[in-house]
Protein backbone atom coordinates (compact mmCIF):
# COMPACT_ATOMS: atom_id res chain seq x y z
CA UNK A 1 -124.25 -113.21 -104.86
CA UNK A 2 -120.87 -114.18 -106.21
CA UNK A 3 -121.45 -117.30 -108.34
CA UNK A 4 -118.44 -119.59 -109.07
CA UNK A 5 -117.24 -122.91 -110.38
CA UNK A 6 -114.32 -124.29 -108.44
CA UNK A 7 -112.15 -127.40 -107.79
CA UNK A 8 -111.88 -128.33 -104.14
CA UNK A 9 -108.55 -129.48 -102.57
CA UNK A 10 -107.47 -132.75 -103.99
CA UNK A 11 -108.72 -131.91 -107.48
CA UNK A 12 -112.07 -133.70 -107.33
CA UNK A 13 -115.08 -132.93 -109.51
CA UNK A 14 -115.81 -129.23 -110.01
CA UNK A 15 -118.45 -127.74 -107.83
CA UNK A 16 -120.90 -124.84 -108.50
CA UNK A 17 -121.43 -122.53 -105.62
CA UNK A 18 -121.08 -119.17 -103.99
CA UNK A 19 -118.09 -117.14 -102.75
CA UNK A 20 -119.00 -115.73 -99.35
CA UNK A 21 -116.99 -114.57 -96.30
CA UNK A 22 -113.71 -115.99 -97.65
CA UNK A 23 -115.18 -119.32 -98.46
CA UNK A 24 -116.23 -121.25 -101.62
CA UNK A 25 -119.53 -122.90 -100.66
CA UNK A 26 -121.17 -125.52 -102.88
CA UNK A 27 -124.81 -125.45 -103.80
CA UNK A 28 -126.33 -128.46 -102.00
CA UNK A 29 -129.51 -128.43 -104.15
CA UNK A 30 -127.58 -129.15 -107.41
CA UNK A 31 -127.82 -125.57 -108.67
CA UNK A 32 -125.39 -124.41 -111.34
CA UNK A 33 -124.05 -121.00 -112.09
CA UNK A 34 -126.16 -120.56 -115.21
CA UNK A 35 -129.15 -122.02 -113.36
CA UNK A 36 -128.89 -119.31 -110.81
CA UNK A 37 -128.39 -116.66 -113.52
CA UNK A 38 -131.77 -117.80 -114.99
CA UNK A 39 -133.72 -118.23 -111.75
CA UNK A 40 -132.09 -115.25 -109.91
CA UNK A 41 -132.69 -117.41 -106.78
CA UNK A 42 -130.94 -115.55 -103.84
CA UNK A 43 -130.99 -118.52 -101.53
CA UNK A 44 -127.48 -118.72 -100.02
CA UNK A 45 -125.40 -121.87 -100.76
CA UNK A 46 -125.42 -124.26 -97.82
CA UNK A 47 -123.30 -127.21 -99.06
CA UNK A 48 -119.75 -128.17 -98.29
CA UNK A 49 -117.47 -125.14 -97.70
CA UNK A 50 -113.82 -124.71 -98.44
CA UNK A 51 -111.52 -121.86 -97.72
CA UNK A 52 -111.29 -119.68 -100.70
CA UNK A 53 -107.56 -119.81 -100.82
CA UNK A 54 -107.54 -123.63 -100.98
CA UNK A 55 -109.71 -124.03 -104.15
CA UNK A 56 -108.94 -123.57 -107.84
CA UNK A 57 -111.33 -121.15 -109.52
CA UNK A 58 -112.48 -122.28 -112.97
CA UNK A 59 -114.24 -120.35 -115.62
CA UNK A 60 -117.65 -119.81 -114.03
CA UNK A 61 -119.18 -121.63 -117.07
CA UNK A 62 -118.57 -121.99 -120.79
CA UNK A 63 -120.59 -119.26 -122.60
CA UNK A 64 -122.67 -120.16 -125.67
CA UNK A 65 -121.63 -116.86 -127.23
CA UNK A 66 -118.99 -114.26 -126.35
CA UNK A 67 -119.74 -110.90 -127.97
CA UNK A 68 -116.93 -108.25 -128.01
CA UNK A 69 -117.25 -104.50 -128.50
CA UNK A 70 -114.47 -102.71 -130.22
CA UNK A 71 -113.34 -99.05 -129.56
CA UNK A 72 -115.86 -98.44 -126.75
CA UNK A 73 -113.78 -96.22 -124.47
CA UNK A 74 -113.18 -92.69 -125.59
CA UNK A 75 -109.59 -92.51 -124.37
CA UNK A 76 -108.83 -95.91 -126.04
CA UNK A 77 -110.26 -94.56 -129.41
CA UNK A 78 -108.00 -91.54 -129.07
CA UNK A 79 -104.88 -93.60 -128.35
CA UNK A 80 -105.60 -95.50 -131.53
CA UNK A 81 -105.94 -92.27 -133.55
CA UNK A 82 -109.46 -93.29 -134.34
CA UNK A 83 -112.76 -91.37 -134.36
CA UNK A 84 -115.38 -92.64 -131.88
CA UNK A 85 -117.57 -95.07 -133.75
CA UNK A 86 -121.12 -93.98 -134.58
CA UNK A 87 -122.55 -97.36 -133.46
CA UNK A 88 -121.06 -100.34 -131.49
CA UNK A 89 -118.43 -102.43 -133.21
CA UNK A 90 -119.41 -106.10 -132.52
CA UNK A 91 -117.25 -109.24 -132.99
CA UNK A 92 -117.50 -112.78 -131.71
CA UNK A 93 -115.10 -114.91 -129.70
CA UNK A 94 -115.57 -118.61 -129.78
CA UNK A 95 -116.72 -120.63 -126.75
CA UNK A 96 -113.28 -122.35 -126.78
CA UNK A 97 -111.70 -118.94 -126.07
CA UNK A 98 -113.25 -118.96 -122.53
CA UNK A 99 -110.79 -120.18 -119.96
CA UNK A 100 -110.26 -119.94 -116.20
CA UNK A 101 -109.55 -116.61 -114.50
CA UNK A 102 -106.04 -117.99 -113.63
CA UNK A 103 -105.41 -119.02 -117.30
CA UNK A 104 -102.86 -119.74 -118.60
CA UNK A 105 -103.44 -118.35 -122.05
CA UNK A 106 -101.70 -119.98 -124.98
CA UNK A 107 -100.33 -117.85 -127.87
CA UNK A 108 -100.72 -119.49 -131.24
CA UNK A 109 -97.46 -120.00 -133.06
CA UNK A 110 -98.61 -117.81 -135.90
CA UNK A 111 -99.06 -114.81 -133.54
CA UNK A 112 -96.13 -112.46 -132.86
CA UNK A 113 -97.95 -109.45 -131.35
CA UNK A 114 -100.06 -110.66 -128.40
CA UNK A 115 -101.92 -107.95 -126.37
CA UNK A 116 -104.11 -107.62 -123.36
CA UNK A 117 -107.43 -105.86 -122.97
CA UNK A 118 -108.87 -105.52 -119.45
CA UNK A 119 -112.66 -105.45 -119.77
CA UNK A 120 -115.93 -105.39 -117.87
CA UNK A 121 -117.96 -108.45 -118.91
CA UNK A 122 -121.79 -108.31 -118.93
CA UNK A 123 -123.45 -111.74 -118.12
CA UNK A 124 -126.88 -112.28 -119.59
CA UNK A 125 -129.70 -113.95 -117.73
CA UNK A 126 -133.17 -114.87 -118.75
CA UNK A 127 -135.46 -112.86 -121.04
CA UNK A 128 -132.64 -110.76 -122.42
CA UNK A 129 -131.86 -109.17 -119.10
CA UNK A 130 -128.44 -108.54 -117.59
CA UNK A 131 -127.90 -110.97 -114.66
CA UNK A 132 -124.38 -110.15 -113.50
CA UNK A 133 -120.88 -108.93 -114.27
CA UNK A 134 -117.35 -110.36 -114.35
CA UNK A 135 -113.77 -109.41 -115.14
CA UNK A 136 -112.26 -110.50 -118.52
CA UNK A 137 -109.26 -110.17 -120.71
CA UNK A 138 -109.98 -109.82 -124.40
CA UNK A 139 -106.59 -111.26 -125.41
CA UNK A 140 -105.86 -110.06 -128.95
CA UNK A 141 -103.50 -110.91 -131.72
CA UNK A 142 -102.67 -107.50 -133.02
CA UNK A 143 -100.80 -108.75 -136.18
CA UNK A 144 -103.69 -110.81 -137.30
CA UNK A 145 -106.16 -108.08 -136.31
CA UNK A 146 -104.36 -105.60 -138.55
CA UNK A 147 -104.10 -107.75 -141.63
CA UNK A 148 -107.51 -109.61 -141.50
CA UNK A 149 -110.64 -107.59 -141.87
CA UNK A 150 -112.61 -110.25 -139.78
CA UNK A 151 -111.29 -110.64 -136.20
CA UNK A 152 -112.33 -114.21 -135.63
CA UNK A 153 -108.66 -115.50 -135.60
CA UNK A 154 -107.28 -112.47 -133.87
CA UNK A 155 -109.78 -112.38 -131.03
CA UNK A 156 -111.35 -115.88 -130.94
CA UNK A 157 -108.44 -118.20 -130.62
CA UNK A 158 -108.35 -120.85 -127.84
CA UNK A 159 -107.89 -119.50 -124.28
CA UNK A 160 -108.11 -115.86 -125.43
CA UNK A 161 -110.82 -115.04 -122.88
CA UNK A 162 -109.98 -115.68 -119.29
CA UNK A 163 -112.87 -114.43 -117.19
CA UNK A 164 -114.21 -114.58 -113.60
CA UNK A 165 -113.09 -114.84 -110.91
CA UNK A 166 -116.81 -115.32 -110.36
CA UNK A 167 -120.03 -113.82 -111.65
CA UNK A 168 -121.23 -110.94 -109.31
CA UNK A 169 -125.05 -110.63 -109.64
CA UNK A 170 -126.58 -107.30 -110.55
CA UNK A 171 -127.99 -106.62 -107.10
CA UNK A 172 -124.49 -106.18 -105.80
CA UNK A 173 -123.39 -103.70 -108.43
CA UNK A 174 -125.48 -100.56 -108.14
CA UNK A 175 -123.71 -98.61 -110.93
CA UNK A 176 -121.72 -100.79 -113.31
CA UNK A 177 -120.85 -97.69 -115.40
CA UNK A 178 -118.75 -96.09 -112.67
CA UNK A 179 -116.32 -98.79 -111.63
CA UNK A 180 -112.53 -98.59 -111.50
CA UNK A 181 -110.66 -100.87 -113.83
CA UNK A 182 -106.95 -101.54 -113.65
CA UNK A 183 -104.59 -103.87 -115.62
CA UNK A 184 -100.98 -104.74 -114.64
CA UNK A 185 -98.34 -106.59 -116.62
CA UNK A 186 -95.60 -108.18 -114.48
CA UNK A 187 -96.62 -105.70 -111.71
CA UNK A 188 -96.49 -102.62 -113.90
CA UNK A 189 -99.73 -100.67 -114.08
CA UNK A 190 -100.81 -100.30 -117.70
CA UNK A 191 -104.43 -99.41 -117.56
CA UNK A 192 -106.12 -97.24 -115.00
CA UNK A 193 -109.61 -96.01 -115.90
CA UNK A 194 -113.33 -95.98 -114.97
CA UNK A 195 -116.15 -97.52 -116.84
CA UNK A 196 -117.74 -94.06 -117.07
CA UNK A 197 -115.52 -93.50 -120.11
CA UNK A 198 -117.65 -95.95 -122.13
CA UNK A 199 -118.85 -94.52 -125.47
CA UNK A 200 -121.91 -96.74 -125.65
CA UNK A 201 -123.72 -97.52 -122.39
CA UNK A 202 -124.47 -101.16 -121.29
CA UNK A 203 -128.19 -100.88 -122.10
CA UNK A 204 -127.32 -99.56 -125.63
CA UNK A 205 -124.89 -102.44 -126.25
CA UNK A 206 -127.38 -105.08 -125.08
CA UNK A 207 -130.15 -103.48 -127.21
CA UNK A 208 -127.84 -103.23 -130.26
CA UNK A 209 -126.81 -106.89 -130.17
CA UNK A 210 -130.42 -107.93 -129.45
CA UNK A 211 -131.64 -106.21 -132.69
CA UNK A 212 -130.37 -109.26 -134.60
CA UNK A 213 -129.33 -111.93 -132.10
CA UNK A 214 -131.38 -113.71 -129.46
CA UNK A 215 -129.55 -113.34 -126.19
CA UNK A 216 -129.52 -116.49 -124.13
CA UNK A 217 -128.66 -117.01 -120.47
CA UNK A 218 -124.85 -117.10 -119.94
CA UNK A 219 -124.01 -115.15 -123.07
CA UNK A 220 -121.10 -112.86 -122.27
CA UNK A 221 -120.51 -109.35 -123.63
CA UNK A 222 -117.09 -107.84 -123.37
CA UNK A 223 -117.84 -104.19 -123.23
CA UNK A 224 -114.48 -102.78 -124.58
CA UNK A 225 -111.17 -101.84 -123.03
CA UNK A 226 -109.77 -98.50 -121.82
CA UNK A 227 -106.60 -96.83 -122.91
CA UNK A 228 -103.20 -98.31 -122.06
CA UNK A 229 -102.92 -101.37 -124.26
CA UNK A 230 -99.60 -102.60 -125.23
CA UNK A 231 -100.15 -101.79 -128.97
CA UNK A 232 -100.45 -98.06 -128.22
CA UNK A 233 -97.29 -97.68 -126.20
CA UNK A 234 -94.18 -96.01 -127.69
CA UNK A 235 -92.62 -98.29 -128.66
CA UNK A 236 -95.36 -101.01 -128.59
CA UNK A 237 -94.94 -103.59 -125.82
CA UNK A 238 -96.52 -107.01 -126.63
CA UNK A 239 -96.91 -109.96 -124.28
CA UNK A 240 -94.32 -112.67 -124.08
CA UNK A 241 -94.10 -116.17 -122.69
CA UNK A 242 -93.95 -116.03 -118.94
CA UNK A 243 -95.68 -112.62 -118.56
CA UNK A 244 -98.32 -112.25 -115.90
CA UNK A 245 -101.40 -110.20 -116.49
CA UNK A 246 -103.60 -108.96 -113.70
CA UNK A 247 -106.98 -107.19 -114.14
CA UNK A 248 -109.08 -105.76 -111.28
CA UNK A 249 -112.44 -104.19 -111.40
CA UNK A 250 -113.94 -102.48 -108.38
CA UNK A 251 -116.54 -104.55 -106.57
CA UNK A 252 -116.09 -107.50 -109.05
CA UNK A 253 -112.59 -108.86 -107.93
CA UNK A 254 -109.61 -109.73 -110.11
CA UNK A 255 -108.18 -112.26 -112.47
CA UNK A 256 -104.52 -113.04 -112.96
CA UNK A 257 -103.11 -115.29 -115.62
CA UNK A 258 -99.84 -116.17 -117.24
CA UNK A 259 -98.90 -116.31 -120.88
CA UNK A 260 -97.75 -119.86 -121.65
């Protein structure tokens, strides 16, 4: 299933439902996205339906915790001139960093070097099990990241994690570690990779975080970004107001947001 939260035409109350056959269909039984992640109930949505192109997709839900993984693609480590890490590098983004797949993202005034990171997001379900996947942008303030040893401000500022466009449940993704991932900025292809370049596998990442943290339904894990970030270009090319970032992952769909 493709689980989503959306605003119907006329900007009424948000609805939880399923994306199916070009429609956004509400759950008539009152189910929520996180509720379905917990129950793994495959019953199709049968409530009011709207054409997908008439609704506004919101963040599927607000995660309790967003875990990020640094330097987890071999080619990305190489473009940074860094040795592959011996164990996952974990950081946290705040719940307020989560925002709609269409953004916009807001660059803090203190930030001068804003960058994109297209990423596969793992969505946790019940009992520490992976329930689904989504597309995310780990928006990063490179200037803060370089001068502050902790990345909370650099990675966790408000609106720094657009994700969606929906959550695709695990049954629809046979091999999440062999998906194509592409990122464009203003129509220019910047990242073009496959998730088989991950240094640490998805089960390794989940297990590593779980050694010290209880994983709860809806927790989000951003699994790292491939090569092609703006910081690594010669010369570096950072995001500016009005830029549009689009990220697509095979099977999972795409998100597109502007920089406000």
